[in-house]
Structures are given as C-alpha cells and as structure tokens.
C-alpha cells in the first residue's frame, strides 16, 4: 500500500494534491504542533489586480504551542464573511465560478469551533473538485505516541497502516534516514513535482504555488482533474 503523510492545509496547493493522488492512503497529521510558517491556517490567492493575497483563519493562540493542531480553536467568526466576500469579489468573473463556488460555500456558512474541522472540510472539497479518491486517515485516530518526532513519527504511522511504499516530501531529506526504510521493508520514494502552468484570469504573469482553488476557478472540475492527473510524474 502506498502511503503519504502531511499536515493539513487550508485549500491545499497542487503539490500536496499531487502527493495525495499518488497514494492509496493519506495520513493527515492532526496530532502535531501548529507551525506558524506553514499553510495550516492560510493559503495564497490572487485578487482582481493579480496581486498575491493570503487568506488566514484567525486562531486562539494562548498556550497554542502546548496543544495539538487538532485542539486549536477559531476565535474570530468574522473570517468567514470576509473570505466569502473575497471569493465573490475576486473570482466571480472567472469562467467556472458558478461550478466551483457552490462546492466550497458551505465552509463560509457552517459553524466551526476547531481549525481542524475547517481544514478537513476544505481538503475534502478540493478532493471532490479534482476527483481525488485517496483514503484519508487522521493520525490522531491511529494511537500514535505524541512524543515521537520527525522520522520516528513517520515510521510509527507507516507501521500502523501497514505501508509498503512511502511517498515523502523532499524537505525530509534533511533529517530522514533513508536506510531505515530499507531495513523496515518500506520502499521510500521522494515526490517529484513540477507545477504546470495554466491561464490565470487575474494575472499577466503566472503565479505558481497558489491554492488549488485558483486552478479550479480558472479551469473547472474536468480540466482541473486533467491538469493534476496528466501532470503526475511517476515516483
């Protein structure tokens, strides 16, 4: 079984969807510490002037470094109204707004208390738009030792789900011991991903690494799926 592991992302970019699409099972790390520099509570979009803009979910950060990601609460309920307004104001004139927006609108209407619920809903919405059928599991439901870090945590998870192959991000090369995978009988492959270009209505110059929703608003479900799956580079 091919497995990938990653922290949740708010309306993830295409690179993460690429890794997930290549996997039979994707384990979402909801039992780790929040990373201020990652895209767990934010992502990048283009406004109508073609300028990069972050959309961020405001969090209750008191003692947040002592909590698991799944324990973090949302504090400002106004973020939904603001982000709904952003989507409409900046993507309304895109070719596939009427196809895509109804699939994410509920996220700006539903009552949330915890960040993780927003992230899971957003990721699953992107799975539906790009027709990703990979099984999603939560690390918190796998009875993983919270004290484990980095490659020890990865090995624990892989053993729990009986993985035979692991797709890793290239950033893990800095700390990962590749020989351990050989010893454990798990085939290790590092993700190979090259971001494809597509027509961006809001920009004269192509901006890479945006939320995958930007692709969907520009191309629609059918062509978005095609862009993802036809550009998969075998690992």
C-alpha atoms as a PDB file:
ATOM      1  CA  UNK A   1       0.000   0.000   0.000  1.00  0.00           C
ATOM      2  CA  UNK A   2       1.318   3.425  -0.994  1.00  0.00           C
ATOM      3  CA  UNK A   3       1.114   5.985   1.812  1.00  0.00           C
ATOM      4  CA  UNK A   4       1.842   9.693   2.147  1.00  0.00           C
ATOM      5  CA  UNK A   5       1.776  11.801   5.308  1.00  0.00           C
ATOM      6  CA  UNK A   6       1.358  15.541   5.692  1.00  0.00           C
ATOM      7  CA  UNK A   7      -0.035  18.240   7.931  1.00  0.00           C
ATOM      8  CA  UNK A   8      -3.454  19.630   6.934  1.00  0.00           C
ATOM      9  CA  UNK A   9      -3.555  22.629   4.636  1.00  0.00           C
ATOM     10  CA  UNK A  10      -6.230  25.253   4.049  1.00  0.00           C
ATOM     11  CA  UNK A  11      -7.462  24.647   0.481  1.00  0.00           C
ATOM     12  CA  UNK A  12      -4.155  22.911  -0.391  1.00  0.00           C
ATOM     13  CA  UNK A  13      -1.925  23.767  -3.333  1.00  0.00           C
ATOM     14  CA  UNK A  14      -1.492  21.426  -6.277  1.00  0.00           C
ATOM     15  CA  UNK A  15       1.786  19.992  -4.996  1.00  0.00           C
ATOM     16  CA  UNK A  16       0.084  18.477  -1.967  1.00  0.00           C
ATOM     17  CA  UNK A  17      -2.791  17.141  -4.053  1.00  0.00           C
ATOM     18  CA  UNK A  18      -0.186  15.584  -6.355  1.00  0.00           C
ATOM     19  CA  UNK A  19       1.359  13.638  -3.467  1.00  0.00           C
ATOM     20  CA  UNK A  20      -2.046  12.566  -2.177  1.00  0.00           C
ATOM     21  CA  UNK A  21      -3.250  11.486  -5.626  1.00  0.00           C
ATOM     22  CA  UNK A  22      -0.185   9.225  -5.970  1.00  0.00           C
ATOM     23  CA  UNK A  23      -1.095   7.455  -2.710  1.00  0.00           C
ATOM     24  CA  UNK A  24      -3.580   4.757  -1.741  1.00  0.00           C
ATOM     25  CA  UNK A  25      -3.836   6.243   1.753  1.00  0.00           C
ATOM     26  CA  UNK A  26      -3.079   9.735   3.005  1.00  0.00           C
ATOM     27  CA  UNK A  27      -2.468  10.231   6.731  1.00  0.00           C
ATOM     28  CA  UNK A  28      -3.271  13.713   7.931  1.00  0.00           C
ATOM     29  CA  UNK A  29      -1.060  14.865  10.798  1.00  0.00           C
ATOM     30  CA  UNK A  30      -3.573  16.456  13.133  1.00  0.00           C
ATOM     31  CA  UNK A  31      -1.715  15.495  16.323  1.00  0.00           C
ATOM     32  CA  UNK A  32       1.385  17.651  15.893  1.00  0.00           C
ATOM     33  CA  UNK A  33       2.247  21.188  16.913  1.00  0.00           C
ATOM     34  CA  UNK A  34       0.948  24.104  14.869  1.00  0.00           C
ATOM     35  CA  UNK A  35       3.558  25.539  12.503  1.00  0.00           C
ATOM     36  CA  UNK A  36       3.392  29.319  12.131  1.00  0.00           C
ATOM     37  CA  UNK A  37       5.366  29.218   8.881  1.00  0.00           C
ATOM     38  CA  UNK A  38       3.290  26.536   7.159  1.00  0.00           C
ATOM     39  CA  UNK A  39      -0.049  26.736   5.365  1.00  0.00           C
ATOM     40  CA  UNK A  40      -2.161  25.075   8.026  1.00  0.00           C
ATOM     41  CA  UNK A  41      -4.432  28.052   8.648  1.00  0.00           C
ATOM     42  CA  UNK A  42      -3.834  30.078   5.494  1.00  0.00           C
ATOM     43  CA  UNK A  43      -3.211  29.946   1.771  1.00  0.00           C
ATOM     44  CA  UNK A  44      -2.429  32.182  -1.190  1.00  0.00           C
ATOM     45  CA  UNK A  45      -4.880  33.515  -3.740  1.00  0.00           C
ATOM     46  CA  UNK A  46      -4.903  36.226  -6.404  1.00  0.00           C
ATOM     47  CA  UNK A  47      -7.030  39.340  -6.086  1.00  0.00           C
ATOM     48  CA  UNK A  48      -8.642  41.024  -9.085  1.00  0.00           C
ATOM     49  CA  UNK A  49      -5.484  43.086  -9.670  1.00  0.00           C
ATOM     50  CA  UNK A  50      -3.367  39.958  -9.999  1.00  0.00           C
ATOM     51  CA  UNK A  51      -1.706  40.537  -6.637  1.00  0.00           C
ATOM     52  CA  UNK A  52      -0.918  37.674  -4.257  1.00  0.00           C
ATOM     53  CA  UNK A  53      -3.056  37.767  -1.123  1.00  0.00           C
ATOM     54  CA  UNK A  54      -3.156  35.487   1.914  1.00  0.00           C
ATOM     55  CA  UNK A  55      -6.443  34.288   3.369  1.00  0.00           C
ATOM     56  CA  UNK A  56      -5.914  33.349   7.017  1.00  0.00           C
ATOM     57  CA  UNK A  57      -8.132  31.733   9.636  1.00  0.00           C
ATOM     58  CA  UNK A  58      -7.641  33.539  12.984  1.00  0.00           C
ATOM     59  CA  UNK A  59      -6.763  31.234  15.876  1.00  0.00           C
ATOM     60  CA  UNK A  60      -6.814  31.277  19.641  1.00  0.00           C
ATOM     61  CA  UNK A  61      -3.085  31.205  20.323  1.00  0.00           C
ATOM     62  CA  UNK A  62      -2.953  31.201  24.110  1.00  0.00           C
ATOM     63  CA  UNK A  63      -0.656  28.289  25.001  1.00  0.00           C
ATOM     64  CA  UNK A  64      -1.056  27.024  21.429  1.00  0.00           C
ATOM     65  CA  UNK A  65       2.465  25.590  21.344  1.00  0.00           C
ATOM     66  CA  UNK A  66       1.480  23.168  24.080  1.00  0.00           C
ATOM     67  CA  UNK A  67      -1.512  21.881  22.119  1.00  0.00           C
ATOM     68  CA  UNK A  68      -2.002  19.537  19.213  1.00  0.00           C
ATOM     69  CA  UNK A  69      -3.096  21.111  15.968  1.00  0.00           C
ATOM     70  CA  UNK A  70      -6.473  19.429  16.288  1.00  0.00           C
ATOM     71  CA  UNK A  71      -7.048  21.219  19.615  1.00  0.00           C
ATOM     72  CA  UNK A  72      -6.706  24.746  18.233  1.00  0.00           C
ATOM     73  CA  UNK A  73      -9.848  26.858  18.207  1.00  0.00           C
ATOM     74  CA  UNK A  74     -11.025  29.581  15.852  1.00  0.00           C
ATOM     75  CA  UNK A  75     -11.604  32.880  17.646  1.00  0.00           C
ATOM     76  CA  UNK A  76     -12.940  35.394  15.125  1.00  0.00           C
ATOM     77  CA  UNK A  77     -16.179  34.347  13.456  1.00  0.00           C
ATOM     78  CA  UNK A  78     -15.944  37.286  11.020  1.00  0.00           C
ATOM     79  CA  UNK A  79     -13.290  35.498   8.957  1.00  0.00           C
ATOM     80  CA  UNK A  80     -15.970  33.548   7.101  1.00  0.00           C
ATOM     81  CA  UNK A  81     -17.839  36.646   5.971  1.00  0.00           C
ATOM     82  CA  UNK A  82     -14.584  38.315   4.910  1.00  0.00           C
ATOM     83  CA  UNK A  83     -13.312  35.323   2.959  1.00  0.00           C
ATOM     84  CA  UNK A  84     -16.677  34.718   1.325  1.00  0.00           C
ATOM     85  CA  UNK A  85     -16.588  38.329   0.190  1.00  0.00           C
ATOM     86  CA  UNK A  86     -13.059  37.873  -1.148  1.00  0.00           C
ATOM     87  CA  UNK A  87     -14.015  34.807  -3.176  1.00  0.00           C
ATOM     88  CA  UNK A  88     -17.001  36.539  -4.728  1.00  0.00           C
ATOM     89  CA  UNK A  89     -15.233  39.854  -5.370  1.00  0.00           C
ATOM     90  CA  UNK A  90     -12.112  38.323  -6.904  1.00  0.00           C
ATOM     91  CA  UNK A  91     -13.338  35.144  -8.610  1.00  0.00           C
ATOM     92  CA  UNK A  92     -16.943  35.921  -9.585  1.00  0.00           C
ATOM     93  CA  UNK A  93     -15.948  36.706 -13.183  1.00  0.00           C
ATOM     94  CA  UNK A  94     -13.832  33.580 -13.596  1.00  0.00           C
ATOM     95  CA  UNK A  95     -15.124  31.080 -16.166  1.00  0.00           C
ATOM     96  CA  UNK A  96     -16.011  28.359 -13.648  1.00  0.00           C
ATOM     97  CA  UNK A  97     -17.040  30.319 -10.581  1.00  0.00           C
ATOM     98  CA  UNK A  98     -20.608  29.000 -10.732  1.00  0.00           C
ATOM     99  CA  UNK A  99     -19.359  25.413 -10.873  1.00  0.00           C
ATOM    100  CA  UNK A 100     -16.743  25.661  -8.113  1.00  0.00           C
ATOM    101  CA  UNK A 101     -18.055  28.162  -5.583  1.00  0.00           C
ATOM    102  CA  UNK A 102     -21.157  26.127  -4.572  1.00  0.00           C
ATOM    103  CA  UNK A 103     -18.778  23.290  -3.590  1.00  0.00           C
ATOM    104  CA  UNK A 104     -16.932  25.456  -1.056  1.00  0.00           C
ATOM    105  CA  UNK A 105     -19.619  27.941   0.014  1.00  0.00           C
ATOM    106  CA  UNK A 106     -20.665  25.799   2.998  1.00  0.00           C
ATOM    107  CA  UNK A 107     -17.256  26.404   4.597  1.00  0.00           C
ATOM    108  CA  UNK A 108     -18.126  30.092   4.876  1.00  0.00           C
ATOM    109  CA  UNK A 109     -21.563  29.327   6.331  1.00  0.00           C
ATOM    110  CA  UNK A 110     -21.004  26.372   8.666  1.00  0.00           C
ATOM    111  CA  UNK A 111     -20.365  26.949  12.372  1.00  0.00           C
ATOM    112  CA  UNK A 112     -16.866  25.906  13.389  1.00  0.00           C
ATOM    113  CA  UNK A 113     -15.100  25.840  16.728  1.00  0.00           C
ATOM    114  CA  UNK A 114     -11.922  23.970  15.788  1.00  0.00           C
ATOM    115  CA  UNK A 115      -9.443  24.701  12.999  1.00  0.00           C
ATOM    116  CA  UNK A 116      -9.049  21.034  12.105  1.00  0.00           C
ATOM    117  CA  UNK A 117     -12.701  20.725  11.071  1.00  0.00           C
ATOM    118  CA  UNK A 118     -12.322  23.629   8.649  1.00  0.00           C
ATOM    119  CA  UNK A 119      -9.150  22.159   7.198  1.00  0.00           C
ATOM    120  CA  UNK A 120     -10.643  18.705   6.688  1.00  0.00           C
ATOM    121  CA  UNK A 121     -13.749  20.150   5.033  1.00  0.00           C
ATOM    122  CA  UNK A 122     -11.584  22.321   2.781  1.00  0.00           C
ATOM    123  CA  UNK A 123      -9.289  19.473   1.799  1.00  0.00           C
ATOM    124  CA  UNK A 124     -12.192  17.135   1.077  1.00  0.00           C
ATOM    125  CA  UNK A 125     -13.834  19.848  -1.039  1.00  0.00           C
ATOM    126  CA  UNK A 126     -10.638  20.014  -3.099  1.00  0.00           C
ATOM    127  CA  UNK A 127     -10.593  16.209  -3.318  1.00  0.00           C
ATOM    128  CA  UNK A 128     -14.088  16.346  -4.805  1.00  0.00           C
ATOM    129  CA  UNK A 129     -13.231  19.121  -7.256  1.00  0.00           C
ATOM    130  CA  UNK A 130     -10.090  17.329  -8.512  1.00  0.00           C
ATOM    131  CA  UNK A 131     -11.677  13.861  -8.195  1.00  0.00           C
ATOM    132  CA  UNK A 132      -9.065  12.545  -5.765  1.00  0.00           C
ATOM    133  CA  UNK A 133     -10.194   9.175  -4.386  1.00  0.00           C
ATOM    134  CA  UNK A 134      -7.352   8.537  -1.926  1.00  0.00           C
ATOM    135  CA  UNK A 135      -8.389   7.303   1.519  1.00  0.00           C
ATOM    136  CA  UNK A 136      -7.873   9.941   4.230  1.00  0.00           C
ATOM    137  CA  UNK A 137      -6.931   8.889   7.771  1.00  0.00           C
ATOM    138  CA  UNK A 138      -6.289  11.048  10.832  1.00  0.00           C
ATOM    139  CA  UNK A 139      -3.044  10.381  12.704  1.00  0.00           C
ATOM    140  CA  UNK A 140      -4.875  11.074  15.976  1.00  0.00           C
ATOM    141  CA  UNK A 141      -7.041   8.027  15.369  1.00  0.00           C
ATOM    142  CA  UNK A 142      -4.064   5.681  14.903  1.00  0.00           C
ATOM    143  CA  UNK A 143      -2.946   5.610  18.554  1.00  0.00           C
ATOM    144  CA  UNK A 144       0.406   7.223  17.796  1.00  0.00           C
ATOM    145  CA  UNK A 145       2.861   8.180  20.550  1.00  0.00           C
ATOM    146  CA  UNK A 146       2.705  12.005  20.703  1.00  0.00           C
ATOM    147  CA  UNK A 147       6.269  12.216  21.994  1.00  0.00           C
ATOM    148  CA  UNK A 148       7.672  10.881  18.716  1.00  0.00           C
ATOM    149  CA  UNK A 149       9.143  13.388  16.278  1.00  0.00           C
ATOM    150  CA  UNK A 150      10.049  13.518  12.593  1.00  0.00           C
ATOM    151  CA  UNK A 151      11.200  10.160  11.155  1.00  0.00           C
ATOM    152  CA  UNK A 152      10.280   8.191  14.292  1.00  0.00           C
ATOM    153  CA  UNK A 153       6.732   9.513  13.987  1.00  0.00           C
ATOM    154  CA  UNK A 154       6.656   8.649  10.300  1.00  0.00           C
ATOM    155  CA  UNK A 155       7.801   5.061  10.921  1.00  0.00           C
ATOM    156  CA  UNK A 156       5.220   4.588  13.654  1.00  0.00           C
ATOM    157  CA  UNK A 157       2.452   5.733  11.339  1.00  0.00           C
ATOM    158  CA  UNK A 158       3.656   3.647   8.406  1.00  0.00           C
ATOM    159  CA  UNK A 159       3.728   0.529  10.547  1.00  0.00           C
ATOM    160  CA  UNK A 160       0.228   1.225  11.870  1.00  0.00           C
ATOM    161  CA  UNK A 161      -1.239   1.397   8.374  1.00  0.00           C
ATOM    162  CA  UNK A 162       0.946  -1.451   7.038  1.00  0.00           C
ATOM    163  CA  UNK A 163       2.522   0.661   4.307  1.00  0.00           C
ATOM    164  CA  UNK A 164       4.743  -0.981   1.705  1.00  0.00           C
ATOM    165  CA  UNK A 165       5.729   2.270  -0.004  1.00  0.00           C
ATOM    166  CA  UNK A 166       6.095   5.784   1.352  1.00  0.00           C
ATOM    167  CA  UNK A 167       5.998   8.975  -0.727  1.00  0.00           C
ATOM    168  CA  UNK A 168       7.997  11.623   1.088  1.00  0.00           C
ATOM    169  CA  UNK A 169       8.419  15.327   0.518  1.00  0.00           C
ATOM    170  CA  UNK A 170      11.928  16.361  -0.497  1.00  0.00           C
ATOM    171  CA  UNK A 171      12.290  18.541   2.619  1.00  0.00           C
ATOM    172  CA  UNK A 172      12.542  15.398   4.736  1.00  0.00           C
ATOM    173  CA  UNK A 173      15.928  14.604   3.195  1.00  0.00           C
ATOM    174  CA  UNK A 174      17.465  16.931   5.776  1.00  0.00           C
ATOM    175  CA  UNK A 175      16.585  14.677   8.699  1.00  0.00           C
ATOM    176  CA  UNK A 176      15.345  11.364   7.329  1.00  0.00           C
ATOM    177  CA  UNK A 177      17.493   8.231   7.475  1.00  0.00           C
ATOM    178  CA  UNK A 178      16.751   6.535   4.174  1.00  0.00           C
ATOM    179  CA  UNK A 179      18.418   3.296   5.263  1.00  0.00           C
ATOM    180  CA  UNK A 180      15.808   2.809   7.983  1.00  0.00           C
ATOM    181  CA  UNK A 181      13.131   2.364   5.331  1.00  0.00           C
ATOM    182  CA  UNK A 182      15.143  -0.378   3.655  1.00  0.00           C
ATOM    183  CA  UNK A 183      15.606  -2.123   6.998  1.00  0.00           C
ATOM    184  CA  UNK A 184      11.882  -1.895   7.739  1.00  0.00           C
ATOM    185  CA  UNK A 185      10.967  -3.194   4.280  1.00  0.00           C
ATOM    186  CA  UNK A 186       9.248   0.021   3.198  1.00  0.00           C
ATOM    187  CA  UNK A 187      10.097   1.389  -0.222  1.00  0.00           C
ATOM    188  CA  UNK A 188      10.932   5.094   0.012  1.00  0.00           C
ATOM    189  CA  UNK A 189      10.333   7.489  -2.866  1.00  0.00           C
ATOM    190  CA  UNK A 190      10.731  11.256  -2.805  1.00  0.00           C
ATOM    191  CA  UNK A 191       8.000  13.200  -4.518  1.00  0.00           C
ATOM    192  CA  UNK A 192       8.844  14.613  -7.921  1.00  0.00           C
ATOM    193  CA  UNK A 193       6.584  17.525  -8.758  1.00  0.00           C
ATOM    194  CA  UNK A 194       6.764  20.256 -11.346  1.00  0.00           C
ATOM    195  CA  UNK A 195       3.980  22.829 -11.167  1.00  0.00           C
ATOM    196  CA  UNK A 196       2.165  23.045 -14.518  1.00  0.00           C
ATOM    197  CA  UNK A 197       1.126  26.417 -15.877  1.00  0.00           C
ATOM    198  CA  UNK A 198      -2.455  27.385 -16.688  1.00  0.00           C
ATOM    199  CA  UNK A 199      -4.287  30.535 -17.693  1.00  0.00           C
ATOM    200  CA  UNK A 200      -4.853  32.774 -14.668  1.00  0.00           C
ATOM    201  CA  UNK A 201      -7.584  35.299 -15.382  1.00  0.00           C
ATOM    202  CA  UNK A 202      -6.360  37.754 -12.745  1.00  0.00           C
ATOM    203  CA  UNK A 203      -2.682  37.791 -13.658  1.00  0.00           C
ATOM    204  CA  UNK A 204      -0.488  38.815 -16.586  1.00  0.00           C
ATOM    205  CA  UNK A 205       2.406  36.865 -15.074  1.00  0.00           C
ATOM    206  CA  UNK A 206       1.884  33.272 -13.952  1.00  0.00           C
ATOM    207  CA  UNK A 207       1.922  32.817 -10.176  1.00  0.00           C
ATOM    208  CA  UNK A 208       2.910  29.334  -9.023  1.00  0.00           C
ATOM    209  CA  UNK A 209       2.035  27.719  -5.699  1.00  0.00           C
ATOM    210  CA  UNK A 210      -1.402  29.230  -5.134  1.00  0.00           C
ATOM    211  CA  UNK A 211      -4.265  27.378  -3.516  1.00  0.00           C
ATOM    212  CA  UNK A 212      -5.606  24.760  -5.906  1.00  0.00           C
ATOM    213  CA  UNK A 213      -8.910  26.650  -5.900  1.00  0.00           C
ATOM    214  CA  UNK A 214      -7.323  29.189  -8.225  1.00  0.00           C
ATOM    215  CA  UNK A 215      -6.870  26.416 -10.771  1.00  0.00           C
ATOM    216  CA  UNK A 216     -10.444  25.253 -10.302  1.00  0.00           C
ATOM    217  CA  UNK A 217     -11.980  28.698 -10.764  1.00  0.00           C
ATOM    218  CA  UNK A 218      -9.978  29.119 -13.964  1.00  0.00           C
ATOM    219  CA  UNK A 219     -10.352  25.631 -15.460  1.00  0.00           C
ATOM    220  CA  UNK A 220     -13.365  23.927 -13.875  1.00  0.00           C
ATOM    221  CA  UNK A 221     -13.574  20.424 -12.425  1.00  0.00           C
ATOM    222  CA  UNK A 222     -12.918  18.426 -15.584  1.00  0.00           C
ATOM    223  CA  UNK A 223      -9.840  20.312 -16.721  1.00  0.00           C
ATOM    224  CA  UNK A 224      -8.539  20.707 -13.153  1.00  0.00           C
ATOM    225  CA  UNK A 225      -8.594  16.932 -12.716  1.00  0.00           C
ATOM    226  CA  UNK A 226      -6.913  16.551 -16.080  1.00  0.00           C
ATOM    227  CA  UNK A 227      -4.200  19.062 -15.139  1.00  0.00           C
ATOM    228  CA  UNK A 228      -3.496  17.206 -11.892  1.00  0.00           C
ATOM    229  CA  UNK A 229      -3.531  13.675 -13.247  1.00  0.00           C
ATOM    230  CA  UNK A 230      -1.902  14.219 -16.632  1.00  0.00           C
ATOM    231  CA  UNK A 231       0.966  16.051 -14.966  1.00  0.00           C
ATOM    232  CA  UNK A 232       1.614  13.329 -12.414  1.00  0.00           C
ATOM    233  CA  UNK A 233       5.283  12.419 -12.557  1.00  0.00           C
ATOM    234  CA  UNK A 234       5.746   8.799 -11.612  1.00  0.00           C
ATOM    235  CA  UNK A 235       7.612   8.294  -8.371  1.00  0.00           C
END
